[in-house]
Structure formats: structure tokens, C-alpha cells
Protein backbone atom coordinates (compact mmCIF):
# COMPACT_ATOMS: atom_id res chain seq x y z
CA MET A 1 -8.68 13.68 -13.48
CA ASN A 2 -11.90 11.84 -12.62
CA VAL A 3 -14.16 13.39 -9.92
CA ILE A 4 -16.67 10.87 -8.58
CA THR A 5 -19.55 12.40 -6.60
CA GLY A 6 -22.26 10.76 -4.55
CA ASP A 7 -23.89 10.58 -1.12
CA ASN A 8 -22.47 8.25 1.48
CA GLY A 9 -23.25 4.60 0.98
CA GLN A 10 -23.90 4.83 -2.77
CA GLY A 11 -20.81 2.94 -3.98
CA LYS A 12 -18.04 5.46 -4.53
CA THR A 13 -15.50 3.44 -2.58
CA SER A 14 -16.59 0.25 -4.34
CA LEU A 15 -15.79 1.86 -7.66
CA LEU A 16 -12.25 2.73 -6.54
CA GLU A 17 -11.86 -0.71 -5.02
CA ALA A 18 -12.80 -2.27 -8.36
CA VAL A 19 -10.08 -0.25 -10.16
CA TYR A 20 -7.52 -1.23 -7.53
CA LEU A 21 -8.58 -4.89 -7.76
CA ALA A 22 -8.35 -4.95 -11.53
CA LEU A 23 -4.82 -3.57 -11.45
CA THR A 24 -3.39 -5.50 -8.44
CA SER A 25 -5.67 -8.52 -7.86
CA ARG A 26 -6.14 -7.34 -4.26
CA SER A 27 -8.53 -5.11 -2.35
CA PHE A 28 -7.40 -2.02 -0.37
CA ARG A 29 -10.32 -2.58 1.98
CA THR A 30 -10.02 -6.20 3.06
CA GLU A 31 -7.56 -9.11 3.02
CA GLN A 32 -10.49 -11.51 2.40
CA LEU A 33 -11.33 -11.25 -1.29
CA LYS A 34 -14.57 -13.17 -0.86
CA GLU A 35 -15.87 -10.14 1.07
CA THR A 36 -15.73 -8.10 -2.16
CA LEU A 37 -18.35 -10.35 -3.80
CA GLN A 38 -21.88 -9.02 -3.94
CA VAL A 39 -24.10 -10.66 -1.32
CA GLY A 40 -25.51 -13.81 -2.84
CA ALA A 41 -23.12 -13.83 -5.79
CA GLY A 42 -20.85 -16.83 -6.40
CA ASN A 43 -18.29 -14.95 -8.47
CA ALA A 44 -17.30 -11.62 -9.92
CA VAL A 45 -15.30 -10.36 -12.87
CA VAL A 46 -13.34 -7.09 -12.91
CA GLU A 47 -11.64 -6.04 -16.12
CA ALA A 48 -9.62 -2.98 -17.00
CA ARG A 49 -8.27 -1.69 -20.32
CA VAL A 50 -5.01 0.12 -19.76
CA ARG A 51 -3.49 2.51 -22.30
CA GLN A 52 0.21 3.15 -21.74
CA GLY A 53 2.76 4.51 -24.16
CA GLY A 54 0.42 4.07 -27.18
CA LEU A 55 -0.25 0.42 -26.32
CA VAL A 56 -3.47 -0.98 -24.89
CA ARG A 57 -3.68 -4.11 -22.70
CA THR A 58 -6.45 -5.81 -20.78
CA GLN A 59 -6.05 -6.95 -17.17
CA LYS A 60 -8.72 -9.20 -15.77
CA VAL A 61 -9.49 -10.72 -12.34
CA VAL A 62 -12.11 -13.44 -11.84
CA LEU A 63 -13.12 -13.91 -8.22
CA ARG A 64 -14.77 -16.95 -6.77
CA ALA A 65 -15.63 -17.90 -3.21
CA ASN A 66 -12.63 -20.31 -3.20
CA GLY A 67 -10.04 -18.24 -5.04
CA ARG A 68 -9.20 -16.04 -8.03
CA SER A 69 -7.68 -16.24 -11.50
CA LEU A 70 -5.75 -13.52 -13.32
CA SER A 71 -4.89 -12.75 -16.89
CA ILE A 72 -3.09 -10.05 -18.90
CA GLU A 73 -4.13 -9.98 -22.55
CA GLY A 74 -5.83 -13.34 -21.94
CA LYS A 75 -2.69 -15.01 -20.64
CA ARG A 76 -1.97 -16.10 -17.09
CA PRO A 77 1.06 -14.22 -15.65
CA ALA A 78 4.04 -16.31 -14.67
CA ARG A 79 4.04 -14.75 -11.17
CA LEU A 80 1.51 -12.88 -9.09
CA VAL A 81 3.97 -10.02 -8.73
CA ASP A 82 4.06 -9.60 -12.53
CA TYR A 83 0.35 -8.89 -12.49
CA ALA A 84 0.43 -6.71 -9.36
CA THR A 85 3.12 -4.37 -10.75
CA ALA A 86 2.15 -4.26 -14.42
CA THR A 87 0.13 -1.08 -13.90
CA PRO A 88 1.35 0.83 -10.82
CA VAL A 89 -1.47 2.15 -8.65
CA ILE A 90 -1.53 3.94 -5.28
CA ALA A 91 -4.71 4.12 -3.21
CA PHE A 92 -5.59 6.39 -0.25
CA GLN A 93 -8.71 5.61 1.76
CA PRO A 94 -9.92 6.48 5.28
CA GLY A 95 -8.51 3.29 6.75
CA ASP A 96 -5.06 4.52 5.86
CA LEU A 97 -5.12 6.80 8.92
CA ASN A 98 -4.02 3.63 10.70
CA LEU A 99 -0.70 4.02 8.93
CA VAL A 100 0.02 6.69 11.56
CA ALA A 101 -1.78 5.44 14.71
CA GLY A 102 -2.13 1.73 13.96
CA SER A 103 0.14 -1.29 14.31
CA ALA A 104 3.66 -1.59 12.90
CA ALA A 105 2.36 -4.34 10.53
CA LEU A 106 0.58 -1.67 8.46
CA ARG A 107 3.78 0.34 8.02
CA ARG A 108 5.71 -2.82 7.16
CA ARG A 109 3.09 -3.50 4.46
CA LEU A 110 3.75 -0.04 3.03
CA LEU A 111 7.44 -0.81 2.85
CA ASP A 112 6.80 -4.18 1.26
CA ARG A 113 4.69 -2.64 -1.51
CA LEU A 114 7.67 -0.45 -2.31
CA VAL A 115 10.02 -3.41 -2.18
CA LEU A 116 8.03 -4.97 -5.03
CA TYR A 117 9.02 -2.10 -7.29
CA LEU A 118 12.40 -0.98 -5.90
CA ASP A 119 13.94 -4.34 -5.01
CA PRO A 120 12.07 -7.35 -6.57
CA VAL A 121 14.71 -9.79 -5.25
CA GLY A 122 13.94 -8.56 -1.77
CA ALA A 123 10.27 -9.19 -2.40
CA GLN A 124 11.02 -12.83 -3.21
CA ALA A 125 13.16 -13.04 -0.06
CA ARG A 126 10.11 -11.93 1.95
CA LEU A 127 8.01 -14.81 0.67
CA ARG A 128 10.75 -17.34 1.39
CA PHE A 129 11.37 -15.84 4.81
CA GLN A 130 7.70 -16.05 5.77
CA LYS A 131 7.53 -19.66 4.71
CA GLY A 132 10.74 -20.55 6.55
CA LEU A 133 9.58 -18.75 9.69
CA ARG A 134 6.40 -20.84 9.77
CA GLU A 135 8.41 -24.06 9.34
CA ARG A 136 10.90 -23.12 12.08
CA GLN A 137 8.03 -22.43 14.50
CA ARG A 138 6.37 -25.70 13.61
CA LEU A 139 9.61 -27.55 14.38
CA LEU A 140 10.04 -25.75 17.69
CA GLU A 141 6.56 -26.62 18.79
CA THR A 142 6.53 -30.25 17.60
CA ARG A 143 10.15 -31.32 18.06
CA GLY A 144 11.46 -28.82 20.60
CA PRO A 145 14.51 -26.45 20.60
CA GLY A 146 16.86 -29.39 20.23
CA ALA A 147 15.52 -30.59 16.89
CA SER A 148 18.43 -31.46 14.58
CA GLU A 149 16.83 -29.89 11.53
CA LEU A 150 16.76 -26.42 13.11
CA ASP A 151 20.32 -25.57 12.13
CA ALA A 152 19.60 -26.04 8.45
CA TYR A 153 16.28 -24.15 8.63
CA GLU A 154 17.83 -21.27 10.54
CA THR A 155 20.72 -20.88 8.10
CA VAL A 156 18.33 -20.44 5.20
CA LEU A 157 15.94 -18.31 7.27
CA ALA A 158 18.80 -16.00 8.31
CA ALA A 159 19.92 -15.46 4.72
CA GLU A 160 16.39 -14.59 3.55
CA GLY A 161 15.60 -12.52 6.63
CA ALA A 162 18.83 -10.52 6.27
CA ARG A 163 18.03 -9.91 2.59
CA LEU A 164 14.53 -8.68 3.45
CA SER A 165 15.87 -6.42 6.19
CA SER A 166 18.33 -4.94 3.69
CA ALA A 167 15.52 -4.35 1.19
CA ARG A 168 13.26 -2.64 3.73
CA GLU A 169 16.10 -0.47 5.03
CA TYR A 170 16.78 0.69 1.51
CA VAL A 171 13.18 1.52 0.60
CA ALA A 172 12.67 3.22 3.96
CA ALA A 173 15.48 5.62 3.10
CA GLU A 174 13.99 6.23 -0.37
CA LEU A 175 10.54 6.78 1.17
CA GLY A 176 11.99 9.25 3.71
CA THR A 177 13.58 11.33 0.93
CA ALA A 178 10.32 11.53 -1.02
CA LEU A 179 8.33 12.17 2.13
CA ALA A 180 10.26 15.29 2.95
CA LEU A 181 8.93 16.79 -0.30
CA THR A 182 5.32 15.54 -0.19
CA PHE A 183 4.77 16.50 3.45
CA SER A 184 6.12 19.99 2.87
CA ARG A 185 3.52 20.49 0.12
CA LEU A 186 0.60 19.52 2.37
CA ALA A 187 1.47 20.49 5.93
CA PRO A 188 1.88 23.88 7.66
CA GLU A 189 5.37 25.30 7.31
CA ASN A 190 6.12 25.02 11.04
CA LEU A 191 5.33 21.26 11.19
CA ARG A 192 8.12 18.72 10.72
CA LEU A 193 7.78 15.01 9.97
CA SER A 194 10.62 12.47 9.97
CA VAL A 195 10.78 8.70 9.53
CA SER A 196 13.32 6.21 10.79
CA PHE A 197 13.65 2.50 10.09
CA GLN A 198 13.98 0.43 13.27
CA PRO A 199 15.04 -3.11 12.37
CA GLY A 200 13.79 -6.11 14.25
CA GLY A 201 16.66 -8.18 12.97
CA THR A 202 19.96 -7.58 11.15
CA THR A 203 21.27 -7.44 7.58
CA ASP A 204 24.15 -9.78 8.57
CA PRO A 205 23.06 -13.44 7.92
CA VAL A 206 25.73 -14.83 10.26
CA LEU A 207 24.61 -12.74 13.21
CA PHE A 208 21.02 -13.41 12.24
CA ALA A 209 21.56 -17.23 12.47
CA GLU A 210 23.37 -16.91 15.74
CA GLU A 211 20.56 -14.90 17.23
CA LEU A 212 17.95 -17.40 16.08
CA GLY A 213 19.89 -20.18 17.74
CA LYS A 214 20.11 -18.30 21.04
CA ARG A 215 16.37 -17.59 21.06
CA ARG A 216 15.00 -21.10 20.40
CA HIS A 217 13.73 -21.69 23.93
CA ILE A 218 12.20 -18.23 24.15
CA ASP A 219 10.48 -18.57 20.76
CA CYS A 220 9.18 -22.01 21.61
CA ARG A 221 7.53 -20.64 24.80
CA ARG A 222 6.26 -17.47 23.02
CA LYS A 223 5.02 -19.45 19.96
CA SER A 224 6.49 -16.75 17.75
CA ALA A 225 9.91 -15.58 16.67
CA SER A 226 11.32 -12.74 18.79
CA PHE A 227 14.01 -11.64 16.25
CA GLY A 228 13.76 -10.79 12.57
CA PRO A 229 12.07 -8.46 10.04
CA GLN A 230 8.63 -9.51 11.21
CA ARG A 231 9.39 -7.08 14.02
CA ASP A 232 10.61 -4.17 11.87
CA GLU A 233 9.13 -0.76 12.54
CA LEU A 234 8.93 2.43 10.46
CA ALA A 235 8.77 5.12 13.15
CA LEU A 236 7.07 8.40 12.41
CA THR A 237 8.00 11.47 14.36
CA LEU A 238 5.97 14.73 14.23
CA ASP A 239 7.80 17.74 15.65
CA GLY A 240 10.02 15.41 17.66
CA ARG A 241 7.16 13.39 19.15
CA ASP A 242 5.80 9.98 18.30
CA ALA A 243 3.16 10.64 15.65
CA ARG A 244 1.09 7.69 16.87
CA HIS A 245 0.19 9.70 19.99
CA ALA A 246 0.93 13.31 19.04
CA ALA A 247 -0.98 13.67 15.73
CA SER A 248 -4.54 14.99 15.66
CA GLN A 249 -7.13 13.47 13.34
CA GLY A 250 -6.42 16.11 10.71
CA GLN A 251 -2.66 15.70 11.10
CA GLN A 252 -2.97 11.91 10.77
CA ARG A 253 -4.76 12.40 7.47
CA VAL A 254 -2.06 14.76 6.18
CA VAL A 255 0.72 12.36 7.32
CA ALA A 256 -1.00 9.32 5.78
CA LEU A 257 -1.68 11.08 2.50
CA SER A 258 1.95 12.32 2.45
CA LEU A 259 3.14 8.76 2.85
CA LYS A 260 0.98 7.64 -0.03
CA LEU A 261 2.19 10.43 -2.28
CA ALA A 262 5.77 9.61 -1.27
CA GLU A 263 5.11 5.98 -2.22
CA LEU A 264 3.83 7.19 -5.60
CA GLU A 265 6.91 9.33 -6.12
CA CYS A 266 9.26 6.39 -5.35
CA VAL A 267 7.47 4.14 -7.81
CA ARG A 268 7.38 6.91 -10.44
CA ARG A 269 11.13 7.43 -10.18
CA ARG A 270 11.91 3.74 -10.46
CA ARG A 271 9.40 2.75 -13.19
CA GLY A 272 9.45 6.03 -15.19
CA VAL A 273 5.66 6.11 -15.33
CA ASP A 274 3.09 7.98 -13.24
CA PRO A 275 1.08 5.51 -11.22
CA VAL A 276 -2.75 5.70 -11.14
CA LEU A 277 -3.81 7.58 -7.97
CA LEU A 278 -7.02 6.63 -6.17
CA LEU A 279 -8.21 9.01 -3.47
CA ASP A 280 -11.28 8.11 -1.40
CA ASP A 281 -12.80 10.86 0.75
CA VAL A 282 -9.44 12.60 0.85
CA THR A 283 -10.52 16.00 2.17
CA SER A 284 -12.55 14.81 5.16
CA GLU A 285 -11.49 16.24 8.57
CA LEU A 286 -9.12 18.79 7.02
CA ASP A 287 -9.30 22.52 7.70
CA ARG A 288 -9.82 24.91 4.79
CA SER A 289 -6.13 25.65 4.20
CA ARG A 290 -5.19 21.97 4.17
CA VAL A 291 -8.07 21.23 1.76
CA GLY A 292 -6.64 23.86 -0.55
CA ALA A 293 -3.17 22.32 -0.30
CA VAL A 294 -4.48 18.86 -1.05
CA ARG A 295 -6.40 20.18 -4.09
CA THR A 296 -3.30 21.92 -5.39
CA VAL A 297 -1.27 18.74 -5.14
CA ILE A 298 -3.97 16.63 -6.76
CA GLU A 299 -4.57 19.08 -9.60
CA SER A 300 -0.86 19.37 -10.37
CA SER A 301 -0.30 15.63 -10.42
CA GLN A 302 0.77 14.00 -13.70
CA SER A 303 -1.01 10.78 -12.67
CA GLN A 304 -4.45 9.73 -13.77
CA VAL A 305 -6.48 10.56 -10.63
CA PHE A 306 -9.74 9.13 -9.38
CA VAL A 307 -11.07 11.16 -6.41
CA THR A 308 -14.34 10.60 -4.59
CA THR A 309 -16.25 13.28 -2.75
CA THR A 310 -19.71 14.19 -1.50
CA ASP A 311 -19.06 17.80 -2.53
CA ALA A 312 -18.03 18.25 -6.18
CA SER A 313 -17.54 22.00 -5.64
CA LEU A 314 -14.25 21.23 -3.86
CA PHE A 315 -12.72 20.30 -7.19
CA ILE A 316 -14.29 22.78 -9.62
CA ASP A 317 -12.80 26.23 -9.44
CA ARG A 318 -9.09 25.40 -9.40
CA ILE A 319 -8.85 22.89 -12.21
CA ASP A 320 -6.26 23.87 -14.87
CA PRO A 321 -8.14 24.12 -18.18
CA GLY A 322 -5.31 22.14 -19.78
CA VAL A 323 -5.90 19.16 -17.53
CA GLY A 324 -8.38 16.57 -18.86
CA ARG A 325 -11.30 16.02 -16.48
CA ALA A 326 -14.39 13.82 -16.31
CA ASP A 327 -17.11 14.07 -13.67
CA PHE A 328 -19.30 11.16 -12.59
CA SER A 329 -22.06 10.53 -10.11
CA VAL A 330 -22.76 7.24 -8.24
CA VAL A 331 -26.28 6.45 -7.10
CA ALA A 332 -27.20 3.03 -5.70
CA GLY A 333 -24.13 1.48 -7.31
CA GLN A 334 -24.83 2.89 -10.75
CA VAL A 335 -22.19 5.17 -12.33
CA ALA A 336 -23.14 7.93 -14.78
CA LYS A 337 -21.55 10.96 -16.39
CA ARG A 338 -22.65 13.96 -14.43
CA PRO A 339 -24.95 16.32 -16.40
CA GLY A 340 -23.38 19.67 -17.06
CA ALA A 341 -19.94 18.51 -15.91
CA PRO A 342 -16.75 19.53 -17.68
CA ALA A 343 -15.98 17.48 -20.80
């Protein structure tokens, strides 16, 4: 367990972001990797040494304003997914409150991260579906709903979309099972959370293709497809009410953290390893009892944990002496072992 302390604005989140970037090639803060570069810098290098099962490997990401390059042990991975899943990592940060109150796209992204681990074939179907969806829309807008090529495009698109829908439906069920446990460990006993997968398409490729054909004129006018997994929703219900509107700020944080821990549990079960867990400002806006519950969950985790806080005392008195721990401070972007901290 690594406790990272520092005042606001000193770089604690950037440290966690660097770990996440080194292990996945992506940022949990922004979709635009160029935004992670230091102001005025043309490039950046993030490198991690990972020890797993007695073996050590190096994962390295080189960022430039116009792209990135990746390597594991000095070799370029055959596929991006091979790099992104080599060292499982789960991150929780304040923006994840939007998992509860934000758009459906954020919850679909959560499902798709799980698809990478639980159904890799479904993950490839997602990439092919997204490409096919763009091509179909281009045809509709340039050639019209009567374009002869649409039948062929929609047959392939339906097959990939149905496969993606099947993958998401499966991982949503797995997530729901894990969530029942993680939420019960963090929330008050009288609070109930449930999830349900609401498909925007179908898992039947024949019906999928038929529906695409029927909707050509509508989709041409809308300039977007009105049927398919791009409209999937993972609905969250808190005590029988839509969590997007019913959850308080503190409840949103507990629900979002429970979702992340459920994601970790799903990956752990499938891969047989404990993912790295990154927790940024995890106790903010929680009452005292919920802070205690969060601490208990963190301190009992078998994962390597990196947790940031402005108050190190939150993680001092309840650490199991048998659990390895390191304490660090961050000041103006510089990381140092904290004097007097546990070994």
C-alpha cells in the first residue's frame, strides 16, 4: 500500500496518471494524450518496471504531440490491447462520479474495459462495429438510403453489433454480481443498489440487419444511427430510484467506487491476478462512517494500492502490520519518501 500525501495542486493526481499511462497507454483524465505533456515539452517518456510471479518486465510509453509508441521489454506489442491488458489496473478519480450522474457513454466505456478482459473477441467486434458504423453513415449522407452498397455494409455491421451487444450483456451480468458484494461493504445496510443492462440493439444479427434497413431514412436525417450498441445503457437504481437523480454527492462517490471495485473483482477472477488499484482523493465528501468503510476495504485489498490524500492520518491507525506500506509526499511535482513514515 502506497499512501501519497500532498496539498492540492502539487501533482498527486499526475503521479497516479503516470502509473495508469505506463500500464495502459491511456490517461484516466483526458482522451487527448497531448494534454498530458508538460507545457512547452515536445514529448514525454513514462516507464514502469512490473514484478509479477517472480518475473520482471518493463512497459514503456513514449508520447509526442502527434502520437505515441509502446513497448514491452523493448518490443512493440502486436496489438494495442496486448499492451493495455498486460498489467491490469483500475483507477478511481473524482471525475468518476460521472459514472453515476453522467452520460450513458461513460457507463458503456466501463463495460468495454471489462469486455477487453472477459471477452476479447467482443472487444475486436467493437472496433469493427465502430468502423462499419462510420462507413454506413458516410454512405447514407453521400449516396442516400438507396445506395446499393448498404446491404453488404449492414450485414457485416449487424453481425459485429450483435456480437458486441452479446459481450456487453455478459459483462454487465458479471459486473452486477460483483457489485452486490462491493456495494454492501461500502454502503449503509439499508441502501440497495442494482444494475440492469438496457440494450440499444439486439444480439440477433438477422433482426439487427432488418432494423438497420428499416431505419435508413431516419438515420440519414438524424446523421447518426438510431439502433445498435452505441445506444446501450447500464442503468443504476438506488433504492428503486434512478441513481442519476436520486443519489447525493456522497452516495454517488460510494456507488462509483463500488463500480470500480466490482470491475477490479471481475478482472481478478478472470485473470487470476490482483489488479493495481489507483485511488485519487477517494475519501472526499464521505461521512465518517463511510470513510471508515472505505479504509477497511482498501486496507484488506490484496492489490497493490496507490492512494492519494491531503490527510495522511486517514490511513495510519488501521493499517495491518503485516501489510507492506510506503508513504510519500508530493511537493511541486517532486516525489519523496515521507520522513518518519512506516517502512
